[in-house]
């Protein structure tokens, strides 16, 4: 269609040049020239109207495609937002539960319960914190047991030392009595001499 239109436009230009611009004489009736030029013009207008209609259809198709693509992108973005929000809420819930478990155990530990442990099945930083907390409680428990055993040993030794001191005191008293008796006997012997 475009080639045909181009050919007709070229013929119109030739017609315009030969019959009007470069013509030796202008004896051709004006009406004939007008009809030939008008016929070409009508075809040009039809072509332009058809081309504009085609361009408009293509633009509408492209607009529809772009709108569909926009909806798909918006839907995808919304889906990603929802999934990431869900995952973030799960993460926050998990962290809060882990912190709450550690806090409960810390409160029990501060109340004197050395058997408390944090039970977390996670392999992340919170799981490592729970493991370290449990190790700390175990060390405190062992330290207190060691202090208890040491205190018991010291009490036992103190009791032994007290018994030895009591025995020594009795031995010293016994020796003092015997020394007094010897001194009394020596004094009596000196007085009898």
C-alpha atoms as a PDB file:
ATOM      1  CA  UNK A   1       0.000   0.000   0.000  1.00  0.00           C
ATOM      2  CA  UNK A   2       2.782   2.411   0.867  1.00  0.00           C
ATOM      3  CA  UNK A   3       4.598   1.651  -2.378  1.00  0.00           C
ATOM      4  CA  UNK A   4       1.437   2.281  -4.357  1.00  0.00           C
ATOM      5  CA  UNK A   5       0.846   5.542  -2.513  1.00  0.00           C
ATOM      6  CA  UNK A   6       4.425   6.604  -3.155  1.00  0.00           C
ATOM      7  CA  UNK A   7       3.961   5.829  -6.855  1.00  0.00           C
ATOM      8  CA  UNK A   8       0.755   7.870  -7.001  1.00  0.00           C
ATOM      9  CA  UNK A   9       2.413  10.770  -5.214  1.00  0.00           C
ATOM     10  CA  UNK A  10       5.251  10.629  -7.711  1.00  0.00           C
ATOM     11  CA  UNK A  11       2.702  10.668 -10.560  1.00  0.00           C
ATOM     12  CA  UNK A  12       0.970  13.642  -8.942  1.00  0.00           C
ATOM     13  CA  UNK A  13       4.261  15.492  -8.750  1.00  0.00           C
ATOM     14  CA  UNK A  14       4.982  14.677 -12.364  1.00  0.00           C
ATOM     15  CA  UNK A  15       1.466  15.819 -13.267  1.00  0.00           C
ATOM     16  CA  UNK A  16       1.963  19.043 -11.289  1.00  0.00           C
ATOM     17  CA  UNK A  17       5.347  19.723 -12.869  1.00  0.00           C
ATOM     18  CA  UNK A  18       4.508  18.818 -16.440  1.00  0.00           C
ATOM     19  CA  UNK A  19       1.025  20.179 -16.715  1.00  0.00           C
ATOM     20  CA  UNK A  20       1.218  23.196 -14.487  1.00  0.00           C
ATOM     21  CA  UNK A  21       4.729  24.331 -13.650  1.00  0.00           C
ATOM     22  CA  UNK A  22       6.740  23.413 -16.705  1.00  0.00           C
ATOM     23  CA  UNK A  23       3.943  23.334 -19.241  1.00  0.00           C
ATOM     24  CA  UNK A  24       4.534  25.253 -22.464  1.00  0.00           C
ATOM     25  CA  UNK A  25       0.966  26.278 -22.510  1.00  0.00           C
ATOM     26  CA  UNK A  26      -1.791  26.209 -19.970  1.00  0.00           C
ATOM     27  CA  UNK A  27      -4.529  25.147 -22.355  1.00  0.00           C
ATOM     28  CA  UNK A  28      -5.539  22.090 -20.385  1.00  0.00           C
ATOM     29  CA  UNK A  29      -8.767  22.736 -18.538  1.00  0.00           C
ATOM     30  CA  UNK A  30      -8.336  23.510 -14.902  1.00  0.00           C
ATOM     31  CA  UNK A  31     -11.114  21.110 -13.868  1.00  0.00           C
ATOM     32  CA  UNK A  32      -9.276  18.148 -15.391  1.00  0.00           C
ATOM     33  CA  UNK A  33      -6.088  18.983 -13.516  1.00  0.00           C
ATOM     34  CA  UNK A  34      -8.089  19.509 -10.307  1.00  0.00           C
ATOM     35  CA  UNK A  35      -9.808  16.111 -10.648  1.00  0.00           C
ATOM     36  CA  UNK A  36      -6.506  14.289 -11.237  1.00  0.00           C
ATOM     37  CA  UNK A  37      -4.854  16.038  -8.306  1.00  0.00           C
ATOM     38  CA  UNK A  38      -7.929  15.526  -6.117  1.00  0.00           C
ATOM     39  CA  UNK A  39      -8.009  11.788  -6.892  1.00  0.00           C
ATOM     40  CA  UNK A  40      -4.396  11.503  -5.768  1.00  0.00           C
ATOM     41  CA  UNK A  41      -5.128  13.614  -2.723  1.00  0.00           C
ATOM     42  CA  UNK A  42      -8.118  11.426  -1.794  1.00  0.00           C
ATOM     43  CA  UNK A  43      -5.886   8.360  -1.968  1.00  0.00           C
ATOM     44  CA  UNK A  44      -3.264  10.101   0.174  1.00  0.00           C
ATOM     45  CA  UNK A  45      -5.907  11.053   2.732  1.00  0.00           C
ATOM     46  CA  UNK A  46      -7.261   7.503   2.738  1.00  0.00           C
ATOM     47  CA  UNK A  47      -3.759   6.176   3.251  1.00  0.00           C
ATOM     48  CA  UNK A  48      -3.075   8.668   6.060  1.00  0.00           C
ATOM     49  CA  UNK A  49      -6.432   7.841   7.677  1.00  0.00           C
ATOM     50  CA  UNK A  50      -5.694   4.112   7.400  1.00  0.00           C
ATOM     51  CA  UNK A  51      -2.174   4.601   8.691  1.00  0.00           C
ATOM     52  CA  UNK A  52      -3.449   6.680  11.615  1.00  0.00           C
ATOM     53  CA  UNK A  53      -6.076   4.026  12.390  1.00  0.00           C
ATOM     54  CA  UNK A  54      -3.372   1.338  12.262  1.00  0.00           C
ATOM     55  CA  UNK A  55      -1.054   3.410  14.469  1.00  0.00           C
ATOM     56  CA  UNK A  56      -3.914   4.009  16.909  1.00  0.00           C
ATOM     57  CA  UNK A  57      -4.691   0.267  17.050  1.00  0.00           C
ATOM     58  CA  UNK A  58      -1.033  -0.536  17.644  1.00  0.00           C
ATOM     59  CA  UNK A  59      -0.775   2.142  20.320  1.00  0.00           C
ATOM     60  CA  UNK A  60      -3.880   0.763  22.037  1.00  0.00           C
ATOM     61  CA  UNK A  61      -2.426  -2.750  21.894  1.00  0.00           C
ATOM     62  CA  UNK A  62       0.856  -1.505  23.289  1.00  0.00           C
ATOM     63  CA  UNK A  63      -0.976   0.424  26.021  1.00  0.00           C
ATOM     64  CA  UNK A  64      -2.966  -2.696  26.931  1.00  0.00           C
ATOM     65  CA  UNK A  65       0.226  -4.733  26.984  1.00  0.00           C
ATOM     66  CA  UNK A  66       1.955  -2.125  29.145  1.00  0.00           C
ATOM     67  CA  UNK A  67      -1.047  -2.028  31.508  1.00  0.00           C
ATOM     68  CA  UNK A  68      -1.025  -5.825  31.803  1.00  0.00           C
ATOM     69  CA  UNK A  69       2.703  -5.772  32.401  1.00  0.00           C
ATOM     70  CA  UNK A  70       2.248  -3.065  35.037  1.00  0.00           C
ATOM     71  CA  UNK A  71      -0.398  -5.152  36.812  1.00  0.00           C
ATOM     72  CA  UNK A  72       1.849  -8.204  36.691  1.00  0.00           C
ATOM     73  CA  UNK A  73       4.773  -6.209  38.105  1.00  0.00           C
ATOM     74  CA  UNK A  74       2.620  -4.676  40.815  1.00  0.00           C
ATOM     75  CA  UNK A  75       1.219  -8.113  41.671  1.00  0.00           C
ATOM     76  CA  UNK A  76       4.737  -9.544  41.798  1.00  0.00           C
ATOM     77  CA  UNK A  77       5.936  -6.714  44.005  1.00  0.00           C
ATOM     78  CA  UNK A  78       2.953  -7.201  46.314  1.00  0.00           C
ATOM     79  CA  UNK A  79       3.620 -10.941  46.447  1.00  0.00           C
ATOM     80  CA  UNK A  80       7.283 -10.350  47.296  1.00  0.00           C
ATOM     81  CA  UNK A  81       6.244  -7.826  49.960  1.00  0.00           C
ATOM     82  CA  UNK A  82       3.763 -10.271  51.496  1.00  0.00           C
ATOM     83  CA  UNK A  83       6.241 -13.154  51.491  1.00  0.00           C
ATOM     84  CA  UNK A  84       9.021 -11.025  52.974  1.00  0.00           C
ATOM     85  CA  UNK A  85       6.623  -9.669  55.616  1.00  0.00           C
ATOM     86  CA  UNK A  86       5.570 -13.217  56.500  1.00  0.00           C
ATOM     87  CA  UNK A  87       9.195 -14.336  56.767  1.00  0.00           C
ATOM     88  CA  UNK A  88      10.123 -11.262  58.812  1.00  0.00           C
ATOM     89  CA  UNK A  89       7.227 -11.877  61.203  1.00  0.00           C
ATOM     90  CA  UNK A  90       8.358 -15.493  61.583  1.00  0.00           C
ATOM     91  CA  UNK A  91      11.898 -14.328  62.294  1.00  0.00           C
ATOM     92  CA  UNK A  92      10.735 -11.741  64.828  1.00  0.00           C
ATOM     93  CA  UNK A  93       8.476 -14.292  66.524  1.00  0.00           C
ATOM     94  CA  UNK A  94      11.320 -16.799  66.699  1.00  0.00           C
ATOM     95  CA  UNK A  95      13.746 -14.256  68.147  1.00  0.00           C
ATOM     96  CA  UNK A  96      11.187 -13.038  70.686  1.00  0.00           C
ATOM     97  CA  UNK A  97      10.432 -16.613  71.792  1.00  0.00           C
ATOM     98  CA  UNK A  98      14.147 -17.340  72.140  1.00  0.00           C
ATOM     99  CA  UNK A  99      14.745 -14.186  74.171  1.00  0.00           C
ATOM    100  CA  UNK A 100      11.729 -14.975  76.377  1.00  0.00           C
ATOM    101  CA  UNK A 101      13.092 -18.495  77.064  1.00  0.00           C
ATOM    102  CA  UNK A 102      16.506 -17.095  77.976  1.00  0.00           C
ATOM    103  CA  UNK A 103      14.922 -14.447  80.233  1.00  0.00           C
ATOM    104  CA  UNK A 104      12.799 -17.065  82.038  1.00  0.00           C
ATOM    105  CA  UNK A 105      15.880 -19.163  82.705  1.00  0.00           C
ATOM    106  CA  UNK A 106      17.854 -16.104  83.833  1.00  0.00           C
ATOM    107  CA  UNK A 107      15.087 -15.201  86.310  1.00  0.00           C
ATOM    108  CA  UNK A 108      15.037 -18.765  87.669  1.00  0.00           C
ATOM    109  CA  UNK A 109      18.838 -18.670  87.954  1.00  0.00           C
ATOM    110  CA  UNK A 110      18.707 -15.349  89.827  1.00  0.00           C
ATOM    111  CA  UNK A 111      16.150 -16.928  92.173  1.00  0.00           C
ATOM    112  CA  UNK A 112      18.689 -19.665  92.987  1.00  0.00           C
ATOM    113  CA  UNK A 113      17.569 -22.480  90.694  1.00  0.00           C
ATOM    114  CA  UNK A 114      20.848 -23.913  89.418  1.00  0.00           C
ATOM    115  CA  UNK A 115      19.068 -26.700  87.532  1.00  0.00           C
ATOM    116  CA  UNK A 116      17.499 -24.325  85.015  1.00  0.00           C
ATOM    117  CA  UNK A 117      18.428 -24.762  81.368  1.00  0.00           C
ATOM    118  CA  UNK A 118      17.439 -23.013  78.124  1.00  0.00           C
ATOM    119  CA  UNK A 119      16.137 -25.419  75.507  1.00  0.00           C
ATOM    120  CA  UNK A 120      16.346 -23.977  71.981  1.00  0.00           C
ATOM    121  CA  UNK A 121      16.548 -26.037  68.818  1.00  0.00           C
ATOM    122  CA  UNK A 122      18.008 -23.307  66.656  1.00  0.00           C
ATOM    123  CA  UNK A 123      21.453 -23.214  65.128  1.00  0.00           C
ATOM    124  CA  UNK A 124      21.689 -19.451  64.864  1.00  0.00           C
ATOM    125  CA  UNK A 125      23.059 -16.838  67.241  1.00  0.00           C
ATOM    126  CA  UNK A 126      20.159 -17.327  69.654  1.00  0.00           C
ATOM    127  CA  UNK A 127      20.921 -21.056  69.819  1.00  0.00           C
ATOM    128  CA  UNK A 128      24.563 -20.234  70.520  1.00  0.00           C
ATOM    129  CA  UNK A 129      23.488 -17.788  73.240  1.00  0.00           C
ATOM    130  CA  UNK A 130      21.310 -20.489  74.836  1.00  0.00           C
ATOM    131  CA  UNK A 131      24.200 -22.972  74.669  1.00  0.00           C
ATOM    132  CA  UNK A 132      26.569 -20.456  76.288  1.00  0.00           C
ATOM    133  CA  UNK A 133      23.950 -19.622  78.944  1.00  0.00           C
ATOM    134  CA  UNK A 134      23.598 -23.323  79.790  1.00  0.00           C
ATOM    135  CA  UNK A 135      27.398 -23.668  79.962  1.00  0.00           C
ATOM    136  CA  UNK A 136      27.551 -20.669  82.322  1.00  0.00           C
ATOM    137  CA  UNK A 137      24.857 -22.163  84.576  1.00  0.00           C
ATOM    138  CA  UNK A 138      26.735 -25.464  84.603  1.00  0.00           C
ATOM    139  CA  UNK A 139      29.982 -23.698  85.589  1.00  0.00           C
ATOM    140  CA  UNK A 140      28.197 -21.791  88.359  1.00  0.00           C
ATOM    141  CA  UNK A 141      26.657 -25.065  89.554  1.00  0.00           C
ATOM    142  CA  UNK A 142      30.060 -26.802  89.605  1.00  0.00           C
ATOM    143  CA  UNK A 143      31.641 -23.789  91.336  1.00  0.00           C
ATOM    144  CA  UNK A 144      29.004 -23.841  94.071  1.00  0.00           C
ATOM    145  CA  UNK A 145      29.453 -27.611  94.481  1.00  0.00           C
ATOM    146  CA  UNK A 146      33.209 -27.058  94.757  1.00  0.00           C
ATOM    147  CA  UNK A 147      32.664 -24.308  97.334  1.00  0.00           C
ATOM    148  CA  UNK A 148      30.273 -26.609  99.242  1.00  0.00           C
ATOM    149  CA  UNK A 149      32.772 -29.485  99.242  1.00  0.00           C
ATOM    150  CA  UNK A 150      35.605 -27.131 100.201  1.00  0.00           C
ATOM    151  CA  UNK A 151      33.484 -25.672 103.003  1.00  0.00           C
ATOM    152  CA  UNK A 152      32.647 -29.177 104.218  1.00  0.00           C
ATOM    153  CA  UNK A 153      36.329 -30.105 104.136  1.00  0.00           C
ATOM    154  CA  UNK A 154      37.236 -26.905 105.999  1.00  0.00           C
ATOM    155  CA  UNK A 155      34.524 -27.633 108.599  1.00  0.00           C
ATOM    156  CA  UNK A 156      35.825 -31.174 108.970  1.00  0.00           C
ATOM    157  CA  UNK A 157      39.389 -29.889 109.298  1.00  0.00           C
ATOM    158  CA  UNK A 158      38.228 -27.198 111.714  1.00  0.00           C
ATOM    159  CA  UNK A 159      36.524 -29.896 113.778  1.00  0.00           C
ATOM    160  CA  UNK A 160      39.724 -31.949 113.707  1.00  0.00           C
ATOM    161  CA  UNK A 161      41.784 -28.916 114.665  1.00  0.00           C
ATOM    162  CA  UNK A 162      39.301 -28.178 117.477  1.00  0.00           C
ATOM    163  CA  UNK A 163      39.563 -31.754 118.708  1.00  0.00           C
ATOM    164  CA  UNK A 164      43.355 -31.632 118.517  1.00  0.00           C
ATOM    165  CA  UNK A 165      43.326 -28.279 120.341  1.00  0.00           C
ATOM    166  CA  UNK A 166      41.018 -29.739 123.004  1.00  0.00           C
ATOM    167  CA  UNK A 167      43.295 -32.774 123.375  1.00  0.00           C
ATOM    168  CA  UNK A 168      46.336 -30.488 123.540  1.00  0.00           C
ATOM    169  CA  UNK A 169      44.602 -28.362 126.156  1.00  0.00           C
ATOM    170  CA  UNK A 170      43.863 -31.467 128.257  1.00  0.00           C
ATOM    171  CA  UNK A 171      47.448 -32.655 127.798  1.00  0.00           C
ATOM    172  CA  UNK A 172      48.745 -29.215 128.839  1.00  0.00           C
ATOM    173  CA  UNK A 173      46.406 -29.226 131.883  1.00  0.00           C
ATOM    174  CA  UNK A 174      47.538 -32.743 132.764  1.00  0.00           C
ATOM    175  CA  UNK A 175      51.183 -31.714 132.371  1.00  0.00           C
ATOM    176  CA  UNK A 176      50.596 -28.584 134.482  1.00  0.00           C
ATOM    177  CA  UNK A 177      49.049 -30.686 137.270  1.00  0.00           C
ATOM    178  CA  UNK A 178      51.893 -33.129 137.113  1.00  0.00           C
ATOM    179  CA  UNK A 179      54.382 -30.223 137.110  1.00  0.00           C
ATOM    180  CA  UNK A 180      52.629 -28.738 140.173  1.00  0.00           C
ATOM    181  CA  UNK A 181      52.749 -32.088 141.899  1.00  0.00           C
ATOM    182  CA  UNK A 182      56.471 -32.407 141.089  1.00  0.00           C
ATOM    183  CA  UNK A 183      57.001 -28.804 142.315  1.00  0.00           C
ATOM    184  CA  UNK A 184      55.075 -29.553 145.506  1.00  0.00           C
ATOM    185  CA  UNK A 185      57.072 -32.752 146.043  1.00  0.00           C
ATOM    186  CA  UNK A 186      60.354 -30.891 145.396  1.00  0.00           C
ATOM    187  CA  UNK A 187      59.275 -28.144 147.809  1.00  0.00           C
ATOM    188  CA  UNK A 188      58.403 -30.712 150.468  1.00  0.00           C
ATOM    189  CA  UNK A 189      61.677 -32.532 149.955  1.00  0.00           C
ATOM    190  CA  UNK A 190      63.638 -29.296 150.231  1.00  0.00           C
ATOM    191  CA  UNK A 191      61.719 -28.379 153.365  1.00  0.00           C
ATOM    192  CA  UNK A 192      62.395 -31.736 154.929  1.00  0.00           C
ATOM    193  CA  UNK A 193      66.071 -31.512 154.375  1.00  0.00           C
END
